[in-house]
Amino acid sequence: MSKFLPLFDRLTLGKPLATMTDAEKNEEAKHIWEHESLGGIAENNNPLPRPVVGLLLLTFLTAMAWTFPLYGQRPSAAMYLDYVTLMNSAPIQKVLSDKGLSSAERDQKAMKMIVDELEKKDSKYSFQRIQHPITMDDLRIMAPKIIELNNQHVDLEEYSIIGRDVSLANFEGNYRADGTRIHKQPWWDKGYTTAVIYFLNFCLWVMVAVKRLPPITWQPDHTIAH
């Protein structure tokens, strides 16, 4: 067993937080530790510093937070349907046709009016709209496609805004009753599950490897080999 899986050699689970090796194996480790120079390095048998453990957890949690599907997903056409509706309203069209302003000023003023109006209303897309602001030129380009899709009564959340294009999302979720796929990014996906499993496995085997050493209550005598 030790030739192929040395971590399982004389593995004991009676006191996993103290040691995972039987007494005989611990004595062998102590003898090597004290009688070999180990390249001139004199290491004590101390526990892993808590700040290092905290940094590991912080790194993992930060990575998970920044890649969370609901945080970094692409904007959907549903987010901008209200933009299109307001753009075609009389007050906005009046601003866009105001000859007293330059083209850039008209677009800037109209977009500000749209954004200000949307901020007055509660919407589940409020945070995503902050993440993915658009210009009036962007809105003009995507508006015809959004109107067309809306008239077809499709789920606009299944269509992503990629640059200035409106395309069916490449997410493939569960099947509907009619056999078609749901093209929405789930709140939890397989990649997230894989990341959690790999991280837990990494932590488990690091702990097993570290706990194969003698208990931290024992400190080596460095004068023997040095």
Protein backbone atom coordinates (compact mmCIF):
# COMPACT_ATOMS: atom_id res chain seq x y z
CA MET A 1 0.00 0.00 0.00
CA SER A 2 2.76 2.48 0.90
CA LYS A 3 4.37 2.14 -2.53
CA PHE A 4 1.36 3.52 -4.35
CA LEU A 5 -0.57 5.42 -1.69
CA PRO A 6 1.89 6.38 1.07
CA LEU A 7 -0.69 8.60 2.77
CA PHE A 8 -2.65 5.47 3.64
CA ASP A 9 0.32 3.65 5.17
CA ARG A 10 -0.46 2.96 8.85
CA LEU A 11 -3.23 5.56 8.71
CA THR A 12 -5.15 5.93 11.96
CA LEU A 13 -8.24 8.04 12.55
CA GLY A 14 -8.53 7.78 16.34
CA LYS A 15 -7.24 11.33 16.94
CA PRO A 16 -7.23 13.02 13.50
CA LEU A 17 -6.54 16.51 14.87
CA ALA A 18 -3.47 15.26 16.74
CA THR A 19 -1.97 12.66 14.42
CA MET A 20 -3.12 10.22 11.76
CA THR A 21 -0.17 7.86 12.13
CA ASP A 22 0.32 5.00 14.58
CA ALA A 23 2.90 5.17 17.36
CA GLU A 24 5.52 3.10 15.51
CA LYS A 25 5.40 5.33 12.43
CA ASN A 26 5.59 8.43 14.62
CA GLU A 27 8.74 7.12 16.29
CA GLU A 28 10.32 6.54 12.86
CA ALA A 29 9.46 10.11 11.86
CA LYS A 30 10.90 11.48 15.10
CA HIS A 31 14.15 9.56 14.58
CA ILE A 32 14.54 10.87 11.02
CA TRP A 33 13.69 14.39 12.12
CA GLU A 34 16.33 14.44 14.85
CA HIS A 35 19.10 12.32 13.29
CA GLU A 36 19.18 13.66 9.71
CA SER A 37 20.50 17.15 8.96
CA LEU A 38 17.73 17.74 6.40
CA GLY A 39 20.12 19.88 4.36
CA GLY A 40 21.05 22.01 7.33
CA ILE A 41 17.45 23.11 7.93
CA ALA A 42 16.27 22.99 11.52
CA GLU A 43 12.47 22.99 11.49
CA ASN A 44 10.32 22.84 14.58
CA ASN A 45 7.10 20.86 14.72
CA ASN A 46 4.73 23.81 14.85
CA PRO A 47 1.12 24.02 13.62
CA LEU A 48 0.26 25.83 10.41
CA PRO A 49 -0.03 29.56 11.29
CA ARG A 50 -3.62 30.69 11.59
CA PRO A 51 -3.10 33.69 9.28
CA VAL A 52 -2.07 31.24 6.54
CA VAL A 53 -5.24 29.23 7.08
CA GLY A 54 -7.26 32.44 7.05
CA LEU A 55 -5.56 33.57 3.84
CA LEU A 56 -6.42 30.25 2.18
CA LEU A 57 -10.07 30.61 3.13
CA LEU A 58 -10.13 34.27 2.11
CA THR A 59 -8.61 33.42 -1.29
CA PHE A 60 -11.19 30.71 -1.90
CA LEU A 61 -14.15 32.81 -0.79
CA THR A 62 -12.97 35.78 -2.86
CA ALA A 63 -12.54 33.62 -5.96
CA MET A 64 -16.00 32.10 -5.49
CA ALA A 65 -17.59 35.51 -4.95
CA TRP A 66 -16.05 37.05 -8.07
CA THR A 67 -17.07 34.11 -10.27
CA PHE A 68 -20.55 33.67 -8.82
CA PRO A 69 -22.94 33.13 -11.75
CA LEU A 70 -25.45 35.73 -10.59
CA TYR A 71 -22.73 38.36 -10.24
CA GLY A 72 -20.88 38.09 -13.52
CA GLN A 73 -23.53 36.96 -15.97
CA ARG A 74 -24.01 38.66 -19.31
CA PRO A 75 -26.76 41.28 -19.58
CA SER A 76 -30.02 39.99 -20.96
CA ALA A 77 -32.41 41.65 -23.39
CA ALA A 78 -34.98 41.80 -20.59
CA MET A 79 -32.79 44.31 -18.76
CA TYR A 80 -33.15 46.85 -21.56
CA LEU A 81 -36.79 46.41 -22.53
CA ASP A 82 -37.75 49.34 -20.31
CA TYR A 83 -34.97 51.40 -21.92
CA VAL A 84 -36.50 50.75 -25.33
CA THR A 85 -40.00 51.61 -24.12
CA LEU A 86 -38.86 54.90 -22.62
CA MET A 87 -36.73 55.73 -25.66
CA ASN A 88 -39.85 55.60 -27.84
CA SER A 89 -41.90 57.69 -25.42
CA ALA A 90 -42.94 61.24 -26.35
CA PRO A 91 -40.72 63.10 -23.81
CA ILE A 92 -37.58 61.27 -24.91
CA GLN A 93 -38.37 61.63 -28.60
CA LYS A 94 -38.89 65.34 -28.04
CA VAL A 95 -35.37 65.62 -26.61
CA LEU A 96 -33.89 63.50 -29.40
CA SER A 97 -35.45 65.80 -32.01
CA ASP A 98 -34.41 69.04 -30.31
CA LYS A 99 -32.44 70.95 -32.96
CA GLY A 100 -31.12 73.36 -30.36
CA LEU A 101 -28.77 70.68 -29.05
CA SER A 102 -25.96 68.84 -30.71
CA SER A 103 -26.32 65.15 -31.46
CA ALA A 104 -24.10 64.17 -28.54
CA GLU A 105 -25.97 66.50 -26.17
CA ARG A 106 -29.34 65.11 -27.26
CA ASP A 107 -28.20 61.54 -26.69
CA GLN A 108 -26.64 62.34 -23.34
CA LYS A 109 -29.70 64.22 -22.08
CA ALA A 110 -32.13 61.56 -23.31
CA MET A 111 -30.17 58.72 -21.74
CA LYS A 112 -29.97 60.58 -18.44
CA MET A 113 -33.75 61.01 -18.49
CA ILE A 114 -34.19 57.29 -19.14
CA VAL A 115 -31.82 56.30 -16.36
CA ASP A 116 -33.37 58.76 -13.90
CA GLU A 117 -36.86 57.46 -14.68
CA LEU A 118 -35.80 53.84 -14.22
CA GLU A 119 -34.15 54.62 -10.89
CA LYS A 120 -37.54 55.68 -9.54
CA LYS A 121 -38.92 52.18 -10.05
CA ASP A 122 -38.00 48.98 -8.25
CA SER A 123 -36.64 46.36 -10.59
CA LYS A 124 -34.78 43.07 -10.22
CA TYR A 125 -32.44 44.36 -12.94
CA SER A 126 -31.37 47.51 -11.08
CA PHE A 127 -27.99 46.14 -9.98
CA GLN A 128 -27.27 44.57 -13.37
CA ARG A 129 -28.06 47.83 -15.15
CA ILE A 130 -25.43 49.54 -13.02
CA GLN A 131 -22.98 46.82 -14.01
CA HIS A 132 -23.81 47.09 -17.70
CA PRO A 133 -24.51 50.72 -18.68
CA ILE A 134 -25.25 51.47 -22.34
CA THR A 135 -25.19 54.49 -24.60
CA MET A 136 -27.98 55.82 -26.77
CA ASP A 137 -26.19 54.51 -29.85
CA ASP A 138 -26.13 51.02 -28.31
CA LEU A 139 -29.81 51.31 -27.51
CA ARG A 140 -30.70 52.35 -31.06
CA ILE A 141 -28.91 49.33 -32.47
CA MET A 142 -30.39 46.73 -30.11
CA ALA A 143 -33.90 48.24 -29.86
CA PRO A 144 -35.35 46.77 -33.12
CA LYS A 145 -34.25 43.24 -32.15
CA ILE A 146 -35.61 43.59 -28.62
CA ILE A 147 -38.94 44.89 -29.95
CA GLU A 148 -39.11 42.02 -32.45
CA LEU A 149 -38.43 39.41 -29.76
CA ASN A 150 -40.91 41.02 -27.38
CA ASN A 151 -43.62 40.92 -30.06
CA GLN A 152 -42.93 37.20 -30.44
CA HIS A 153 -43.66 36.78 -26.70
CA VAL A 154 -40.39 34.97 -26.03
CA ASP A 155 -38.58 35.07 -22.71
CA LEU A 156 -36.18 37.99 -23.11
CA GLU A 157 -34.05 36.70 -20.23
CA GLU A 158 -32.91 33.93 -22.55
CA TYR A 159 -31.34 36.44 -24.96
CA SER A 160 -27.95 37.94 -24.15
CA ILE A 161 -26.52 41.29 -25.15
CA ILE A 162 -23.09 40.57 -26.63
CA GLY A 163 -21.52 43.84 -27.66
CA ARG A 164 -24.35 45.39 -29.66
CA ASP A 165 -25.86 42.08 -30.76
CA VAL A 166 -28.88 40.38 -29.23
CA SER A 167 -28.37 36.62 -29.36
CA LEU A 168 -29.85 33.52 -27.79
CA ALA A 169 -27.85 32.75 -24.65
CA ASN A 170 -25.47 29.82 -24.89
CA PHE A 171 -26.52 28.49 -21.48
CA GLU A 172 -28.37 25.19 -21.72
CA GLY A 173 -30.37 24.44 -18.60
CA ASN A 174 -33.31 22.17 -17.92
CA TYR A 175 -35.80 20.98 -20.52
CA ARG A 176 -39.28 22.41 -20.87
CA ALA A 177 -42.36 20.26 -21.30
CA ASP A 178 -42.17 20.75 -25.08
CA GLY A 179 -38.59 19.43 -25.17
CA THR A 180 -36.81 22.76 -25.71
CA ARG A 181 -33.96 23.89 -23.47
CA ILE A 182 -34.09 26.77 -21.03
CA HIS A 183 -31.32 29.21 -21.95
CA LYS A 184 -30.82 30.86 -18.59
CA GLN A 185 -27.76 30.89 -16.41
CA PRO A 186 -28.59 29.03 -13.19
CA TRP A 187 -27.78 30.47 -9.78
CA TRP A 188 -25.52 27.45 -9.24
CA ASP A 189 -23.82 25.55 -12.06
CA LYS A 190 -21.67 22.43 -12.50
CA GLY A 191 -18.48 24.47 -12.60
CA TYR A 192 -19.22 25.81 -9.13
CA THR A 193 -19.86 22.30 -7.81
CA THR A 194 -16.57 21.12 -9.32
CA ALA A 195 -14.68 24.03 -7.72
CA VAL A 196 -16.11 23.28 -4.27
CA ILE A 197 -15.31 19.56 -4.56
CA TYR A 198 -11.74 20.24 -5.67
CA PHE A 199 -11.19 22.76 -2.87
CA LEU A 200 -12.56 20.44 -0.18
CA ASN A 201 -10.46 17.57 -1.52
CA PHE A 202 -7.38 19.79 -1.53
CA CYS A 203 -7.97 20.82 2.10
CA LEU A 204 -8.65 17.21 3.12
CA TRP A 205 -5.46 15.80 1.64
CA VAL A 206 -3.31 18.67 2.90
CA MET A 207 -4.65 17.98 6.40
CA VAL A 208 -3.97 14.24 6.02
CA ALA A 209 -0.43 14.93 4.78
CA VAL A 210 0.31 17.34 7.64
CA LYS A 211 -1.25 15.13 10.28
CA ARG A 212 0.95 12.20 9.27
CA LEU A 213 3.68 14.00 11.22
CA PRO A 214 4.11 13.56 14.98
CA PRO A 215 1.75 15.58 17.20
CA ILE A 216 2.67 19.23 17.65
CA THR A 217 3.15 18.59 21.38
CA TRP A 218 6.50 17.00 20.42
CA GLN A 219 9.42 19.21 19.37
CA PRO A 220 12.60 17.81 17.79
CA ASP A 221 16.00 18.15 19.44
CA HIS A 222 18.10 19.91 16.80
CA THR A 223 21.38 19.39 18.68
CA ILE A 224 21.48 15.71 17.71
CA ALA A 225 22.16 16.19 13.99
CA HIS A 226 23.34 19.82 13.87
